[in-house]
């Protein structure tokens, strides 16, 4: 999350024990981010898909990015 012009940005790492996401499934993840209400906030999420095969090796695919903004007035 960050305020206008990238001011007062804050990063949050994902939890380590997230469940497996299979094709067609969705689930919500919520976290508390301590950012001052600076009229406009922008949030960016990055998901890096990994595939695990029967031999136990992982394959990494292209990351997926999402970005959203909202008004935040206190």
PDB file of N, CA and C in Angstrom:
ATOM      1  N   UNK A   1       0.838  -1.155   0.000  1.00  0.00           N
ATOM      2  CA  UNK A   1       0.000   0.000   0.000  1.00  0.00           C
ATOM      3  C   UNK A   1       0.890   1.227   0.000  1.00  0.00           C
ATOM      4  N   UNK A   2       0.393   2.272  -0.613  1.00  0.00           N
ATOM      5  CA  UNK A   2       1.110   3.542  -0.578  1.00  0.00           C
ATOM      6  C   UNK A   2       0.127   4.676  -0.787  1.00  0.00           C
ATOM      7  N   UNK A   3       0.523   5.847  -0.331  1.00  0.00           N
ATOM      8  CA  UNK A   3      -0.283   7.039  -0.515  1.00  0.00           C
ATOM      9  C   UNK A   3       0.025   7.674  -1.857  1.00  0.00           C
ATOM     10  N   UNK A   4      -0.477   8.898  -2.080  1.00  0.00           N
ATOM     11  CA  UNK A   4      -0.215   9.587  -3.333  1.00  0.00           C
ATOM     12  C   UNK A   4       1.284   9.732  -3.592  1.00  0.00           C
ATOM     13  N   UNK A   5       1.683   9.573  -4.841  1.00  0.00           N
ATOM     14  CA  UNK A   5       3.078   9.703  -5.259  1.00  0.00           C
ATOM     15  C   UNK A   5       4.000   8.711  -4.552  1.00  0.00           C
ATOM     16  N   UNK A   6       3.461   7.591  -4.058  1.00  0.00           N
ATOM     17  CA  UNK A   6       4.269   6.575  -3.386  1.00  0.00           C
ATOM     18  C   UNK A   6       4.651   6.921  -1.961  1.00  0.00           C
ATOM     19  N   UNK A   7       4.049   7.958  -1.391  1.00  0.00           N
ATOM     20  CA  UNK A   7       4.380   8.378  -0.027  1.00  0.00           C
ATOM     21  C   UNK A   7       3.911   7.355   1.004  1.00  0.00           C
ATOM     22  N   UNK A   8       4.668   7.214   2.071  1.00  0.00           N
ATOM     23  CA  UNK A   8       4.312   6.372   3.224  1.00  0.00           C
ATOM     24  C   UNK A   8       3.949   4.952   2.801  1.00  0.00           C
ATOM     25  N   UNK A   9       4.742   4.363   1.947  1.00  0.00           N
ATOM     26  CA  UNK A   9       4.444   3.014   1.470  1.00  0.00           C
ATOM     27  C   UNK A   9       4.709   1.979   2.561  1.00  0.00           C
ATOM     28  N   UNK A  10       4.047   0.841   2.438  1.00  0.00           N
ATOM     29  CA  UNK A  10       4.170  -0.244   3.404  1.00  0.00           C
ATOM     30  C   UNK A  10       4.073  -1.560   2.645  1.00  0.00           C
ATOM     31  N   UNK A  11       4.921  -2.536   2.990  1.00  0.00           N
ATOM     32  CA  UNK A  11       4.880  -3.850   2.355  1.00  0.00           C
ATOM     33  C   UNK A  11       4.423  -4.898   3.357  1.00  0.00           C
ATOM     34  N   UNK A  12       3.692  -5.873   2.867  1.00  0.00           N
ATOM     35  CA  UNK A  12       3.215  -6.978   3.691  1.00  0.00           C
ATOM     36  C   UNK A  12       3.531  -8.269   2.955  1.00  0.00           C
ATOM     37  N   UNK A  13       4.180  -9.202   3.623  1.00  0.00           N
ATOM     38  CA  UNK A  13       4.475 -10.513   3.037  1.00  0.00           C
ATOM     39  C   UNK A  13       3.295 -11.448   3.288  1.00  0.00           C
ATOM     40  N   UNK A  14       3.080 -12.377   2.383  1.00  0.00           N
ATOM     41  CA  UNK A  14       2.011 -13.363   2.530  1.00  0.00           C
ATOM     42  C   UNK A  14       2.334 -14.323   3.665  1.00  0.00           C
ATOM     43  N   UNK A  15       1.287 -14.919   4.212  1.00  0.00           N
ATOM     44  CA  UNK A  15       1.464 -15.921   5.257  1.00  0.00           C
ATOM     45  C   UNK A  15       2.142 -17.152   4.664  1.00  0.00           C
ATOM     46  N   UNK A  16       2.879 -17.876   5.488  1.00  0.00           N
ATOM     47  CA  UNK A  16       3.578 -19.069   5.011  1.00  0.00           C
ATOM     48  C   UNK A  16       2.653 -20.264   4.800  1.00  0.00           C
ATOM     49  N   UNK A  17       1.546 -20.324   5.520  1.00  0.00           N
ATOM     50  CA  UNK A  17       0.689 -21.508   5.477  1.00  0.00           C
ATOM     51  C   UNK A  17      -0.569 -21.297   4.625  1.00  0.00           C
ATOM     52  N   UNK A  18      -0.427 -20.646   3.479  1.00  0.00           N
ATOM     53  CA  UNK A  18      -1.565 -20.468   2.591  1.00  0.00           C
ATOM     54  C   UNK A  18      -1.928 -21.809   1.961  1.00  0.00           C
ATOM     55  N   UNK A  19      -3.221 -22.082   1.765  1.00  0.00           N
ATOM     56  CA  UNK A  19      -3.623 -23.357   1.170  1.00  0.00           C
ATOM     57  C   UNK A  19      -3.285 -23.406  -0.315  1.00  0.00           C
ATOM     58  N   UNK A  20      -3.274 -24.636  -0.872  1.00  0.00           N
ATOM     59  CA  UNK A  20      -3.054 -24.800  -2.306  1.00  0.00           C
ATOM     60  C   UNK A  20      -4.236 -24.218  -3.056  1.00  0.00           C
ATOM     61  N   UNK A  21      -3.964 -23.496  -4.105  1.00  0.00           N
ATOM     62  CA  UNK A  21      -5.011 -22.937  -4.953  1.00  0.00           C
ATOM     63  C   UNK A  21      -5.061 -23.754  -6.235  1.00  0.00           C
ATOM     64  N   UNK A  22      -6.147 -24.485  -6.414  1.00  0.00           N
ATOM     65  CA  UNK A  22      -6.309 -25.346  -7.581  1.00  0.00           C
ATOM     66  C   UNK A  22      -7.078 -24.604  -8.669  1.00  0.00           C
ATOM     67  N   UNK A  23      -6.983 -25.047  -9.918  1.00  0.00           N
ATOM     68  CA  UNK A  23      -7.703 -24.369 -10.998  1.00  0.00           C
ATOM     69  C   UNK A  23      -9.195 -24.251 -10.697  1.00  0.00           C
ATOM     70  N   UNK A  24      -9.736 -23.064 -10.900  1.00  0.00           N
ATOM     71  CA  UNK A  24     -11.156 -22.819 -10.664  1.00  0.00           C
ATOM     72  C   UNK A  24     -11.500 -22.430  -9.240  1.00  0.00           C
ATOM     73  N   UNK A  25     -10.563 -22.518  -8.313  1.00  0.00           N
ATOM     74  CA  UNK A  25     -10.823 -22.171  -6.917  1.00  0.00           C
ATOM     75  C   UNK A  25     -10.462 -20.713  -6.644  1.00  0.00           C
ATOM     76  N   UNK A  26     -11.105 -20.157  -5.634  1.00  0.00           N
ATOM     77  CA  UNK A  26     -10.759 -18.818  -5.148  1.00  0.00           C
ATOM     78  C   UNK A  26     -10.792 -18.837  -3.632  1.00  0.00           C
ATOM     79  N   UNK A  27     -10.013 -17.968  -3.013  1.00  0.00           N
ATOM     80  CA  UNK A  27     -10.085 -17.759  -1.574  1.00  0.00           C
ATOM     81  C   UNK A  27      -9.558 -16.373  -1.269  1.00  0.00           C
ATOM     82  N   UNK A  28     -10.059 -15.816  -0.172  1.00  0.00           N
ATOM     83  CA  UNK A  28      -9.693 -14.462   0.226  1.00  0.00           C
ATOM     84  C   UNK A  28      -8.616 -14.493   1.292  1.00  0.00           C
ATOM     85  N   UNK A  29      -7.724 -13.524   1.242  1.00  0.00           N
ATOM     86  CA  UNK A  29      -6.692 -13.340   2.254  1.00  0.00           C
ATOM     87  C   UNK A  29      -6.789 -11.903   2.727  1.00  0.00           C
ATOM     88  N   UNK A  30      -6.818 -11.695   4.025  1.00  0.00           N
ATOM     89  CA  UNK A  30      -6.893 -10.341   4.583  1.00  0.00           C
ATOM     90  C   UNK A  30      -5.710 -10.114   5.512  1.00  0.00           C
ATOM     91  N   UNK A  31      -5.232  -8.891   5.548  1.00  0.00           N
ATOM     92  CA  UNK A  31      -4.137  -8.520   6.432  1.00  0.00           C
ATOM     93  C   UNK A  31      -4.299  -7.062   6.828  1.00  0.00           C
ATOM     94  N   UNK A  32      -3.667  -6.668   7.901  1.00  0.00           N
ATOM     95  CA  UNK A  32      -3.724  -5.283   8.361  1.00  0.00           C
ATOM     96  C   UNK A  32      -2.470  -4.570   7.878  1.00  0.00           C
ATOM     97  N   UNK A  33      -2.670  -3.469   7.185  1.00  0.00           N
ATOM     98  CA  UNK A  33      -1.561  -2.660   6.690  1.00  0.00           C
ATOM     99  C   UNK A  33      -1.663  -1.302   7.365  1.00  0.00           C
ATOM    100  N   UNK A  34      -0.586  -0.879   7.995  1.00  0.00           N
ATOM    101  CA  UNK A  34      -0.596   0.394   8.717  1.00  0.00           C
ATOM    102  C   UNK A  34      -0.133   1.514   7.797  1.00  0.00           C
ATOM    103  N   UNK A  35      -1.112   2.155   7.140  1.00  0.00           N
ATOM    104  CA  UNK A  35      -0.839   3.266   6.237  1.00  0.00           C
ATOM    105  C   UNK A  35      -1.773   4.404   6.618  1.00  0.00           C
ATOM    106  N   UNK A  36      -1.243   5.609   6.682  1.00  0.00           N
ATOM    107  CA  UNK A  36      -2.055   6.782   7.023  1.00  0.00           C
ATOM    108  C   UNK A  36      -3.086   7.046   5.924  1.00  0.00           C
ATOM    109  N   UNK A  37      -4.319   7.466   6.307  1.00  0.00           N
ATOM    110  CA  UNK A  37      -5.335   7.791   5.306  1.00  0.00           C
ATOM    111  C   UNK A  37      -4.975   9.088   4.584  1.00  0.00           C
ATOM    112  N   UNK A  38      -4.381   8.986   3.426  1.00  0.00           N
ATOM    113  CA  UNK A  38      -3.877  10.144   2.687  1.00  0.00           C
ATOM    114  C   UNK A  38      -4.727  10.439   1.454  1.00  0.00           C
ATOM    115  N   UNK A  39      -6.022  10.370   1.562  1.00  0.00           N
ATOM    116  CA  UNK A  39      -6.998  10.635   0.515  1.00  0.00           C
ATOM    117  C   UNK A  39      -7.032   9.510  -0.521  1.00  0.00           C
ATOM    118  N   UNK A  40      -5.912   9.150  -1.126  1.00  0.00           N
ATOM    119  CA  UNK A  40      -5.906   8.089  -2.129  1.00  0.00           C
ATOM    120  C   UNK A  40      -4.844   7.052  -1.771  1.00  0.00           C
ATOM    121  N   UNK A  41      -5.244   5.788  -1.694  1.00  0.00           N
ATOM    122  CA  UNK A  41      -4.315   4.689  -1.425  1.00  0.00           C
ATOM    123  C   UNK A  41      -4.308   3.742  -2.616  1.00  0.00           C
ATOM    124  N   UNK A  42      -3.154   3.223  -2.922  1.00  0.00           N
ATOM    125  CA  UNK A  42      -3.007   2.264  -4.008  1.00  0.00           C
ATOM    126  C   UNK A  42      -2.414   0.976  -3.449  1.00  0.00           C
ATOM    127  N   UNK A  43      -3.024  -0.149  -3.788  1.00  0.00           N
ATOM    128  CA  UNK A  43      -2.513  -1.449  -3.353  1.00  0.00           C
ATOM    129  C   UNK A  43      -2.135  -2.295  -4.558  1.00  0.00           C
ATOM    130  N   UNK A  44      -1.056  -3.040  -4.440  1.00  0.00           N
ATOM    131  CA  UNK A  44      -0.596  -3.919  -5.505  1.00  0.00           C
ATOM    132  C   UNK A  44      -0.372  -5.310  -4.925  1.00  0.00           C
ATOM    133  N   UNK A  45      -0.849  -6.330  -5.631  1.00  0.00           N
ATOM    134  CA  UNK A  45      -0.638  -7.719  -5.200  1.00  0.00           C
ATOM    135  C   UNK A  45       0.079  -8.477  -6.312  1.00  0.00           C
ATOM    136  N   UNK A  46       0.990  -9.361  -5.912  1.00  0.00           N
ATOM    137  CA  UNK A  46       1.719 -10.198  -6.859  1.00  0.00           C
ATOM    138  C   UNK A  46       1.568 -11.655  -6.440  1.00  0.00           C
ATOM    139  N   UNK A  47       1.181 -12.505  -7.379  1.00  0.00           N
ATOM    140  CA  UNK A  47       1.059 -13.942  -7.132  1.00  0.00           C
ATOM    141  C   UNK A  47       2.020 -14.651  -8.083  1.00  0.00           C
ATOM    142  N   UNK A  48       2.871 -15.523  -7.522  1.00  0.00           N
ATOM    143  CA  UNK A  48       3.817 -16.290  -8.330  1.00  0.00           C
ATOM    144  C   UNK A  48       3.373 -17.753  -8.308  1.00  0.00           C
ATOM    145  N   UNK A  49       2.800 -18.256  -9.420  1.00  0.00           N
ATOM    146  CA  UNK A  49       2.343 -19.643  -9.454  1.00  0.00           C
ATOM    147  C   UNK A  49       3.516 -20.624  -9.484  1.00  0.00           C
ATOM    148  N   UNK A  50       3.393 -21.687  -8.715  1.00  0.00           N
ATOM    149  CA  UNK A  50       4.380 -22.769  -8.695  1.00  0.00           C
ATOM    150  C   UNK A  50       3.659 -24.086  -8.952  1.00  0.00           C
ATOM    151  N   UNK A  51       4.276 -24.968  -9.704  1.00  0.00           N
ATOM    152  CA  UNK A  51       3.721 -26.300  -9.950  1.00  0.00           C
ATOM    153  C   UNK A  51       4.684 -27.328  -9.368  1.00  0.00           C
ATOM    154  N   UNK A  52       4.147 -28.284  -8.631  1.00  0.00           N
ATOM    155  CA  UNK A  52       4.940 -29.355  -8.024  1.00  0.00           C
ATOM    156  C   UNK A  52       4.601 -30.654  -8.745  1.00  0.00           C
ATOM    157  N   UNK A  53       5.610 -31.315  -9.318  1.00  0.00           N
ATOM    158  CA  UNK A  53       5.344 -32.572 -10.019  1.00  0.00           C
ATOM    159  C   UNK A  53       5.578 -33.767  -9.096  1.00  0.00           C
ATOM    160  N   UNK A  54       5.335 -34.969  -9.611  1.00  0.00           N
ATOM    161  CA  UNK A  54       5.443 -36.188  -8.813  1.00  0.00           C
ATOM    162  C   UNK A  54       6.859 -36.429  -8.302  1.00  0.00           C
ATOM    163  N   UNK A  55       7.870 -35.920  -8.998  1.00  0.00           N
ATOM    164  CA  UNK A  55       9.263 -36.104  -8.573  1.00  0.00           C
ATOM    165  C   UNK A  55       9.656 -35.131  -7.462  1.00  0.00           C
ATOM    166  N   UNK A  56       8.766 -34.181  -7.166  1.00  0.00           N
ATOM    167  CA  UNK A  56       9.054 -33.228  -6.096  1.00  0.00           C
ATOM    168  C   UNK A  56       9.745 -31.961  -6.562  1.00  0.00           C
ATOM    169  N   UNK A  57       9.907 -31.796  -7.864  1.00  0.00           N
ATOM    170  CA  UNK A  57      10.521 -30.565  -8.367  1.00  0.00           C
ATOM    171  C   UNK A  57       9.435 -29.530  -8.650  1.00  0.00           C
ATOM    172  N   UNK A  58       9.795 -28.277  -8.529  1.00  0.00           N
ATOM    173  CA  UNK A  58       8.832 -27.211  -8.768  1.00  0.00           C
ATOM    174  C   UNK A  58       9.174 -26.455 -10.044  1.00  0.00           C
ATOM    175  N   UNK A  59       8.141 -26.005 -10.704  1.00  0.00           N
ATOM    176  CA  UNK A  59       8.282 -25.154 -11.886  1.00  0.00           C
ATOM    177  C   UNK A  59       7.622 -23.825 -11.571  1.00  0.00           C
ATOM    178  N   UNK A  60       8.308 -22.746 -11.869  1.00  0.00           N
ATOM    179  CA  UNK A  60       7.760 -21.419 -11.609  1.00  0.00           C
ATOM    180  C   UNK A  60       7.244 -20.829 -12.915  1.00  0.00           C
ATOM    181  N   UNK A  61       6.063 -20.226 -12.860  1.00  0.00           N
ATOM    182  CA  UNK A  61       5.451 -19.603 -14.028  1.00  0.00           C
ATOM    183  C   UNK A  61       5.520 -18.087 -13.894  1.00  0.00           C
ATOM    184  N   UNK A  62       5.084 -17.386 -14.921  1.00  0.00           N
ATOM    185  CA  UNK A  62       5.104 -15.925 -14.892  1.00  0.00           C
ATOM    186  C   UNK A  62       4.222 -15.399 -13.761  1.00  0.00           C
ATOM    187  N   UNK A  63       4.679 -14.381 -13.036  1.00  0.00           N
ATOM    188  CA  UNK A  63       3.873 -13.802 -11.961  1.00  0.00           C
ATOM    189  C   UNK A  63       2.627 -13.106 -12.510  1.00  0.00           C
ATOM    190  N   UNK A  64       1.611 -13.025 -11.667  1.00  0.00           N
ATOM    191  CA  UNK A  64       0.370 -12.325 -11.985  1.00  0.00           C
ATOM    192  C   UNK A  64       0.288 -11.122 -11.058  1.00  0.00           C
ATOM    193  N   UNK A  65      -0.019  -9.953 -11.614  1.00  0.00           N
ATOM    194  CA  UNK A  65      -0.068  -8.720 -10.836  1.00  0.00           C
ATOM    195  C   UNK A  65      -1.486  -8.159 -10.842  1.00  0.00           C
ATOM    196  N   UNK A  66      -1.884  -7.549  -9.733  1.00  0.00           N
ATOM    197  CA  UNK A  66      -3.159  -6.841  -9.644  1.00  0.00           C
ATOM    198  C   UNK A  66      -2.921  -5.542  -8.890  1.00  0.00           C
ATOM    199  N   UNK A  67      -3.633  -4.498  -9.283  1.00  0.00           N
ATOM    200  CA  UNK A  67      -3.466  -3.192  -8.658  1.00  0.00           C
ATOM    201  C   UNK A  67      -4.846  -2.572  -8.474  1.00  0.00           C
ATOM    202  N   UNK A  68      -5.068  -1.941  -7.317  1.00  0.00           N
ATOM    203  CA  UNK A  68      -6.346  -1.293  -7.038  1.00  0.00           C
ATOM    204  C   UNK A  68      -6.102  -0.040  -6.212  1.00  0.00           C
ATOM    205  N   UNK A  69      -7.024   0.886  -6.290  1.00  0.00           N
ATOM    206  CA  UNK A  69      -6.926   2.108  -5.505  1.00  0.00           C
ATOM    207  C   UNK A  69      -8.261   2.428  -4.861  1.00  0.00           C
ATOM    208  N   UNK A  70      -8.222   3.204  -3.791  1.00  0.00           N
ATOM    209  CA  UNK A  70      -9.440   3.569  -3.084  1.00  0.00           C
ATOM    210  C   UNK A  70      -9.249   4.892  -2.357  1.00  0.00           C
ATOM    211  N   UNK A  71     -10.348   5.551  -2.077  1.00  0.00           N
ATOM    212  CA  UNK A  71     -10.306   6.755  -1.257  1.00  0.00           C
ATOM    213  C   UNK A  71     -10.187   6.354   0.201  1.00  0.00           C
ATOM    214  N   UNK A  72      -9.373   7.051   0.943  1.00  0.00           N
ATOM    215  CA  UNK A  72      -9.184   6.754   2.369  1.00  0.00           C
ATOM    216  C   UNK A  72      -9.154   8.071   3.127  1.00  0.00           C
ATOM    217  N   UNK A  73     -10.291   8.426   3.689  1.00  0.00           N
ATOM    218  CA  UNK A  73     -10.394   9.681   4.428  1.00  0.00           C
ATOM    219  C   UNK A  73     -10.779   9.356   5.856  1.00  0.00           C
ATOM    220  N   UNK A  74     -10.054   9.920   6.787  1.00  0.00           N
ATOM    221  CA  UNK A  74     -10.306   9.637   8.198  1.00  0.00           C
ATOM    222  C   UNK A  74     -11.072  10.771   8.826  1.00  0.00           C
TER     223      UNK A  74
END
